[in-house]
Protein backbone atom coordinates (compact mmCIF):
# COMPACT_ATOMS: atom_id res chain seq x y z
CA MET A 1 38.75 -31.04 -10.06
CA LEU A 2 35.20 -32.14 -10.76
CA PRO A 3 33.47 -30.26 -13.60
CA ASN A 4 30.85 -27.66 -12.77
CA THR A 5 27.60 -29.41 -13.59
CA GLY A 6 25.46 -26.84 -11.80
CA ALA A 7 24.37 -29.54 -9.31
CA ILE A 8 24.95 -29.67 -5.59
CA HIS A 9 27.80 -32.17 -5.22
CA ASP A 10 27.00 -35.27 -3.23
CA PRO A 11 30.23 -36.39 -1.51
CA ARG A 12 28.98 -39.97 -1.60
CA THR A 13 29.30 -39.97 -5.41
CA THR A 14 32.67 -41.23 -6.59
CA THR A 15 34.61 -39.89 -9.54
CA GLN A 16 34.16 -43.23 -11.29
CA GLN A 17 30.38 -42.95 -10.95
CA LEU A 18 30.52 -39.47 -12.43
CA GLY A 19 32.37 -40.77 -15.46
CA TYR A 20 35.90 -39.64 -14.63
CA THR A 21 38.77 -41.88 -15.79
CA PRO A 22 41.68 -41.80 -13.30
CA GLY A 23 44.93 -40.68 -14.88
CA CYS A 24 43.13 -39.02 -17.78
CA CYS A 25 42.29 -35.33 -18.00
CA CYS A 26 38.94 -35.92 -19.68
CA TRP A 27 35.37 -36.87 -18.91
CA GLN A 28 33.53 -39.67 -20.65
CA GLY A 29 30.27 -38.98 -22.45
CA GLN A 30 28.79 -36.00 -24.19
CA ASN A 31 25.79 -35.21 -21.98
CA ILE A 32 27.36 -33.08 -19.25
CA ARG A 33 25.15 -30.00 -18.80
CA TYR A 34 26.07 -26.79 -17.06
CA THR A 35 22.61 -26.07 -15.71
CA THR A 36 20.69 -27.44 -12.77
CA ARG A 37 19.26 -30.82 -13.68
CA VAL A 38 15.73 -31.96 -12.89
CA ASN A 39 16.86 -34.26 -10.09
CA ASP A 40 19.31 -31.79 -8.56
CA LYS A 41 17.16 -29.94 -6.05
CA PRO A 42 18.69 -26.68 -4.79
CA THR A 43 18.50 -26.43 -1.02
CA THR A 44 19.64 -22.89 -0.29
CA ILE A 45 17.78 -19.68 -0.99
CA THR A 46 20.48 -18.50 -3.39
CA ASP A 47 20.44 -21.74 -5.40
CA THR A 48 16.66 -21.89 -5.42
CA LEU A 49 16.36 -18.36 -6.72
CA ALA A 50 18.93 -19.06 -9.43
CA ALA A 51 16.99 -22.11 -10.57
CA GLY A 52 13.72 -20.15 -10.51
CA ARG A 53 15.21 -17.37 -12.61
CA ALA A 54 16.47 -19.86 -15.15
CA GLN A 55 13.04 -21.47 -15.47
CA LEU A 56 11.30 -18.11 -15.95
CA HIS A 57 13.83 -16.61 -18.33
CA ALA A 58 11.99 -17.63 -21.49
CA THR A 59 8.51 -16.53 -20.41
CA SER A 60 8.88 -13.54 -18.08
CA PRO A 61 10.44 -10.13 -18.78
CA THR A 62 11.36 -9.91 -15.07
CA PRO A 63 12.52 -13.42 -14.05
CA ARG A 64 14.64 -12.28 -11.11
CA LEU A 65 11.94 -10.09 -9.59
CA ASP A 66 9.31 -12.78 -10.11
CA ALA A 67 11.41 -15.49 -8.46
CA GLU A 68 12.20 -13.27 -5.47
CA LEU A 69 8.57 -12.25 -4.97
CA LEU A 70 7.37 -15.84 -5.17
CA LEU A 71 9.96 -17.21 -2.74
CA ALA A 72 9.39 -14.31 -0.32
CA HIS A 73 5.70 -15.20 -0.43
CA VAL A 74 6.39 -18.88 0.26
CA LEU A 75 8.59 -18.01 3.24
CA SER A 76 6.39 -15.12 4.45
CA TRP A 77 9.52 -12.96 4.46
CA PRO A 78 10.17 -9.43 3.19
CA ARG A 79 11.97 -9.66 -0.13
CA ALA A 80 15.14 -7.97 1.19
CA ARG A 81 15.65 -10.79 3.68
CA LEU A 82 16.20 -13.28 0.86
CA LEU A 83 19.41 -11.51 -0.13
CA ALA A 84 20.63 -11.25 3.44
CA GLU A 85 20.05 -14.93 4.19
CA GLY A 86 20.89 -16.54 0.87
CA ARG A 87 22.71 -19.49 2.46
CA THR A 88 19.69 -20.54 4.49
CA GLN A 89 18.57 -24.09 3.73
CA LEU A 90 15.00 -24.52 2.51
CA THR A 91 12.71 -27.29 3.66
CA THR A 92 11.30 -29.75 1.18
CA ALA A 93 7.85 -28.22 1.69
CA HIS A 94 9.14 -24.76 0.84
CA GLN A 95 10.88 -26.06 -2.27
CA ALA A 96 7.72 -27.81 -3.42
CA ALA A 97 5.56 -24.72 -2.87
CA PHE A 98 8.03 -22.53 -4.75
CA SER A 99 8.27 -24.98 -7.64
CA ALA A 100 4.47 -25.05 -7.96
CA LEU A 101 4.34 -21.25 -8.15
CA ILE A 102 7.16 -21.16 -10.69
CA GLU A 103 5.23 -23.55 -12.92
CA ARG A 104 2.13 -21.39 -12.71
CA ARG A 105 4.19 -18.29 -13.53
CA ARG A 106 5.73 -20.13 -16.50
CA ALA A 107 2.15 -20.54 -17.72
CA LEU A 108 1.94 -16.70 -17.63
CA GLU A 109 -0.27 -16.36 -14.56
CA PRO A 110 0.34 -12.89 -13.05
CA VAL A 111 2.60 -12.79 -10.00
CA ALA A 112 0.04 -10.60 -8.20
CA TYR A 113 -2.54 -13.38 -8.43
CA LEU A 114 -0.01 -15.97 -7.25
CA ILE A 115 0.92 -14.04 -4.11
CA GLY A 116 -2.43 -12.29 -3.59
CA HIS A 117 -1.32 -8.67 -3.48
CA ARG A 118 0.33 -5.85 -5.44
CA GLU A 119 1.93 -2.55 -4.48
CA PHE A 120 0.44 0.60 -6.00
CA TYR A 121 1.28 4.20 -5.16
CA GLY A 122 3.21 3.04 -2.10
CA LEU A 123 0.28 1.02 -0.76
CA ASP A 124 -0.25 -2.73 -0.70
CA PHE A 125 -3.49 -3.99 -2.28
CA VAL A 126 -5.29 -7.30 -2.18
CA VAL A 127 -5.48 -8.60 -5.75
CA ASP A 128 -7.07 -11.73 -7.18
CA PRO A 129 -8.63 -12.85 -10.50
CA ARG A 130 -11.80 -10.86 -9.75
CA VAL A 131 -9.95 -7.63 -10.57
CA LEU A 132 -7.38 -6.25 -12.97
CA VAL A 133 -3.83 -6.12 -11.62
CA PRO A 134 -2.95 -2.44 -10.84
CA ARG A 135 -0.28 -1.13 -13.21
CA PRO A 136 2.48 1.34 -12.27
CA GLU A 137 1.60 3.63 -15.19
CA THR A 138 -1.79 4.27 -13.55
CA GLU A 139 0.04 6.06 -10.74
CA LEU A 140 0.22 9.09 -13.05
CA LEU A 141 -3.58 9.27 -12.98
CA VAL A 142 -3.52 9.35 -9.17
CA GLU A 143 -0.74 11.94 -9.10
CA LEU A 144 -2.64 14.27 -11.43
CA ALA A 145 -5.91 13.77 -9.53
CA LEU A 146 -4.15 14.70 -6.28
CA GLY A 147 -2.90 17.90 -7.88
CA PHE A 148 -6.36 18.90 -9.09
CA ALA A 149 -7.90 18.05 -5.71
CA GLN A 150 -5.36 20.24 -3.94
CA GLN A 151 -6.13 23.16 -6.25
CA LEU A 152 -9.85 22.78 -5.60
CA THR A 153 -9.31 22.57 -1.85
CA VAL A 154 -7.22 25.76 -1.83
CA ALA A 155 -9.75 27.57 -4.02
CA SER A 156 -12.59 26.51 -1.73
CA HIS A 157 -10.69 27.70 1.34
CA ASN A 158 -9.84 31.05 -0.24
CA SER A 159 -13.46 31.64 -1.20
CA HIS A 160 -14.58 30.79 2.37
CA SER A 161 -16.93 28.16 0.98
CA SER A 162 -18.99 26.27 3.53
CA THR A 163 -18.16 23.06 1.66
CA SER A 164 -14.43 22.34 1.91
CA SER A 165 -14.34 18.65 1.01
CA VAL A 166 -13.68 17.65 -2.59
CA VAL A 167 -16.00 14.99 -4.03
CA ILE A 168 -14.21 12.55 -6.35
CA ALA A 169 -15.77 9.72 -8.36
CA ASP A 170 -13.60 6.79 -9.45
CA ILE A 171 -15.43 5.14 -12.32
CA GLY A 172 -14.67 1.44 -12.83
CA THR A 173 -12.80 1.13 -9.55
CA GLY A 174 -11.83 -2.55 -9.82
CA SER A 175 -9.54 -3.35 -6.89
CA GLY A 176 -10.14 0.13 -5.51
CA SER A 177 -6.49 1.08 -5.91
CA ILE A 178 -7.19 4.56 -7.33
CA ALA A 179 -10.00 5.38 -4.90
CA VAL A 180 -8.07 4.14 -1.86
CA ALA A 181 -4.86 5.96 -2.86
CA LEU A 182 -6.82 9.20 -3.24
CA ALA A 183 -8.62 8.70 0.07
CA VAL A 184 -5.37 7.99 1.91
CA HIS A 185 -3.65 11.08 0.50
CA ILE A 186 -6.63 13.47 0.74
CA PRO A 187 -8.08 12.92 4.23
CA THR A 188 -10.86 15.48 3.68
CA ALA A 189 -12.07 14.08 0.35
CA GLN A 190 -15.31 12.23 -0.19
CA ILE A 191 -14.81 9.35 -2.62
CA ILE A 192 -17.43 7.55 -4.68
CA ALA A 193 -16.24 4.36 -6.38
CA THR A 194 -18.38 2.59 -8.96
CA ASP A 195 -18.05 -0.69 -10.79
CA ILE A 196 -20.41 -2.89 -12.73
CA SER A 197 -18.92 -6.01 -11.12
CA PRO A 198 -20.05 -6.95 -7.59
CA ASP A 199 -16.99 -9.20 -7.31
CA ALA A 200 -14.68 -6.27 -8.02
CA LEU A 201 -16.49 -4.14 -5.44
CA ALA A 202 -15.96 -6.86 -2.85
CA VAL A 203 -12.19 -6.62 -3.43
CA ALA A 204 -12.35 -2.81 -3.33
CA GLN A 205 -14.16 -3.01 0.01
CA LEU A 206 -11.38 -5.23 1.39
CA ASN A 207 -8.74 -2.74 0.28
CA ALA A 208 -10.62 0.27 1.64
CA ALA A 209 -10.86 -1.44 5.03
CA ARG A 210 -7.23 -2.57 4.83
CA HIS A 211 -6.09 1.05 4.59
CA GLY A 212 -8.57 2.51 7.05
CA VAL A 213 -10.59 4.57 4.57
CA GLY A 214 -13.71 2.44 4.28
CA ALA A 215 -15.86 5.10 5.93
CA ARG A 216 -14.89 7.71 3.32
CA ILE A 217 -15.37 5.60 0.19
CA ALA A 218 -18.93 4.96 -0.95
CA LEU A 219 -18.99 1.86 -3.16
CA HIS A 220 -21.79 1.60 -5.72
CA GLN A 221 -22.55 -1.10 -8.24
CA GLY A 222 -23.62 0.14 -11.64
CA ASP A 223 -22.63 0.94 -15.19
CA LEU A 224 -20.10 3.78 -15.45
CA LEU A 225 -21.68 7.08 -14.24
CA ALA A 226 -25.18 5.69 -13.64
CA PRO A 227 -24.74 5.32 -9.84
CA LEU A 228 -23.91 9.04 -9.39
CA ASP A 229 -26.88 10.94 -7.98
CA GLU A 230 -25.26 14.38 -8.14
CA PRO A 231 -22.40 16.09 -10.01
CA VAL A 232 -18.92 15.78 -8.50
CA ASP A 233 -15.72 17.84 -8.45
CA LEU A 234 -13.45 15.29 -10.11
CA LEU A 235 -14.27 12.40 -12.42
CA VAL A 236 -11.40 9.90 -12.54
CA SER A 237 -11.39 6.72 -14.58
CA ASN A 238 -9.11 4.01 -15.92
CA PRO A 239 -11.71 2.37 -18.19
CA PRO A 240 -11.25 -0.75 -20.29
CA TYR A 241 -9.37 0.43 -23.37
CA THR A 242 -7.63 -2.59 -24.86
CA ILE A 243 -8.47 -4.60 -27.94
CA LEU A 244 -8.53 -8.16 -26.62
CA SER A 245 -6.98 -9.71 -29.70
CA GLU A 246 -3.94 -7.45 -29.35
CA ILE A 247 -2.99 -7.88 -25.68
CA ASP A 248 -0.40 -10.19 -24.13
CA ALA A 249 -1.38 -13.83 -23.87
CA GLY A 250 -1.01 -13.95 -20.09
CA VAL A 251 -3.20 -10.89 -19.57
CA ARG A 252 -5.85 -12.25 -21.92
CA ARG A 253 -5.74 -15.68 -20.31
CA TYR A 254 -6.01 -14.67 -16.66
CA GLU A 255 -7.29 -11.13 -16.11
CA PRO A 256 -11.02 -10.28 -16.25
CA HIS A 257 -12.06 -9.43 -19.81
CA ARG A 258 -14.74 -7.03 -18.63
CA ALA A 259 -12.00 -4.86 -17.13
CA LEU A 260 -9.94 -5.00 -20.33
CA ASP A 261 -12.25 -4.98 -23.34
CA GLY A 262 -12.60 -1.55 -24.92
CA GLY A 263 -14.48 -2.81 -27.95
CA SER A 264 -13.33 -3.23 -31.53
CA ASP A 265 -11.27 -0.02 -31.49
CA GLY A 266 -10.62 0.31 -27.74
CA LEU A 267 -12.71 3.49 -27.52
CA GLU A 268 -16.18 2.20 -26.70
CA LEU A 269 -16.06 3.09 -22.99
CA TYR A 270 -14.63 6.55 -23.67
CA ARG A 271 -17.53 7.34 -25.97
CA ARG A 272 -20.05 6.37 -23.32
CA LEU A 273 -18.19 8.03 -20.44
CA LEU A 274 -17.68 11.33 -22.19
CA ALA A 275 -21.24 11.49 -23.51
CA ALA A 276 -22.58 11.23 -19.96
CA ALA A 277 -19.87 13.22 -18.17
CA PRO A 278 -21.06 16.84 -18.62
CA ALA A 279 -24.18 16.17 -16.54
CA ARG A 280 -22.11 14.56 -13.76
CA LEU A 281 -19.36 17.17 -13.44
CA ARG A 282 -19.70 20.47 -11.59
CA PRO A 283 -18.79 23.62 -13.55
CA GLY A 284 -15.15 24.65 -13.28
CA ARG A 285 -14.04 21.15 -12.35
CA ALA A 286 -12.05 18.40 -14.11
CA MET A 287 -12.18 14.92 -15.61
CA LEU A 288 -9.15 12.62 -15.85
CA LEU A 289 -8.96 9.54 -18.07
CA GLU A 290 -6.21 6.98 -18.43
CA ILE A 291 -5.68 6.05 -22.07
CA GLY A 292 -3.76 3.59 -24.18
CA ALA A 293 -0.48 4.81 -25.65
CA THR A 294 -1.95 5.27 -29.15
CA GLN A 295 -5.34 6.68 -28.17
CA GLY A 296 -4.50 10.28 -27.26
CA ALA A 297 -5.75 12.04 -30.36
CA ALA A 298 -8.95 10.00 -30.54
CA VAL A 299 -9.84 10.57 -26.87
CA VAL A 300 -9.06 14.29 -27.15
CA ALA A 301 -11.43 14.52 -30.11
CA LEU A 302 -14.18 12.79 -28.10
CA ALA A 303 -13.51 15.11 -25.15
CA GLN A 304 -13.80 18.19 -27.39
CA GLN A 305 -17.18 16.98 -28.63
CA ALA A 306 -18.42 16.40 -25.07
CA PHE A 307 -16.93 19.60 -23.61
CA PRO A 308 -16.77 22.16 -26.46
CA ALA A 309 -16.29 25.02 -23.98
CA ALA A 310 -13.54 23.30 -21.96
CA LEU A 311 -10.77 25.62 -20.78
CA ARG A 312 -8.08 23.04 -21.46
CA ILE A 313 -7.80 19.48 -22.73
CA HIS A 314 -4.33 18.04 -22.37
CA ILE A 315 -2.48 14.75 -22.91
CA HIS A 316 0.05 13.79 -20.21
CA LYS A 317 2.88 11.35 -20.89
CA ASP A 318 4.04 8.64 -18.49
CA LEU A 319 7.64 7.96 -17.42
CA ALA A 320 8.20 5.95 -20.60
CA GLY A 321 7.27 8.98 -22.70
CA LEU A 322 3.97 7.45 -23.83
CA ASP A 323 0.58 9.16 -23.88
CA ARG A 324 -1.15 8.00 -20.69
CA VAL A 325 -3.71 10.46 -19.26
CA VAL A 326 -6.11 12.97 -20.80
CA THR A 327 -7.27 15.79 -18.50
CA ILE A 328 -10.30 17.96 -19.23
CA GLU A 329 -10.62 21.24 -17.32
CA THR A 330 -14.02 22.87 -17.62
């Protein structure tokens, strides 16, 4: 039996060429490797994915997922189809395109930028280097905002108010993922989304149109709360809160620094947001802020200074048990 070299066996290759000595149960040479070699090009989906995973193992925490997403993108297939059709032969063009994406991922470029989209809160969003990649932990911010919006809607209905729609401002909207998710799940809400970057707003506009909520999201360019003409019912924000020198190399290399940089202590944007927030929030309403895992106490202290009469200021933990969102109920 030929040894398992990890290569696709070419029947035209003889045992003598491979280094086998007839009549001897041994193989000559010391350089037999049990991984796919550079010149051994996998031709099936299963083999290609295995090779991709192996290449990404040292640089990605999710090599299998990355490889599957990249190959699904190359083939324009849903990811589940890869597993169902693993024996399908790939064309040379498909192999080349996949290899190019694998190399870029090995250089730590985010998968979302490589394939041009990212799922968030069950919705698919256009994503490119103009905006931060939406993170799953931010879904907690959306979930909490939906809960507050529902409470306000019920209260308005019970009081027979002539104004039944909740007005929500998403500050620093980026790709628009938060604003769009809220608009999709609260059909009666009016959404204002602000960002200082015109490039980010262009992506947000694409995503709003993609999900059919463009008419209910007013996009405004400006610094933090400056574009708001009147107070709103909910202020929601995932502001830049990282310290650039402390973040992962891939994030620092590829994602927009303006959307990441929270200053020397990560709190600069919170100070500015909270100082301006009382004048932009209607009485009896709420403000929700995503925070870094170690910033809870500091942001709560800033919130107490800005809203000394707040009914409740609370830190919510994400699924990993880390501090993730501060809510301020006035």
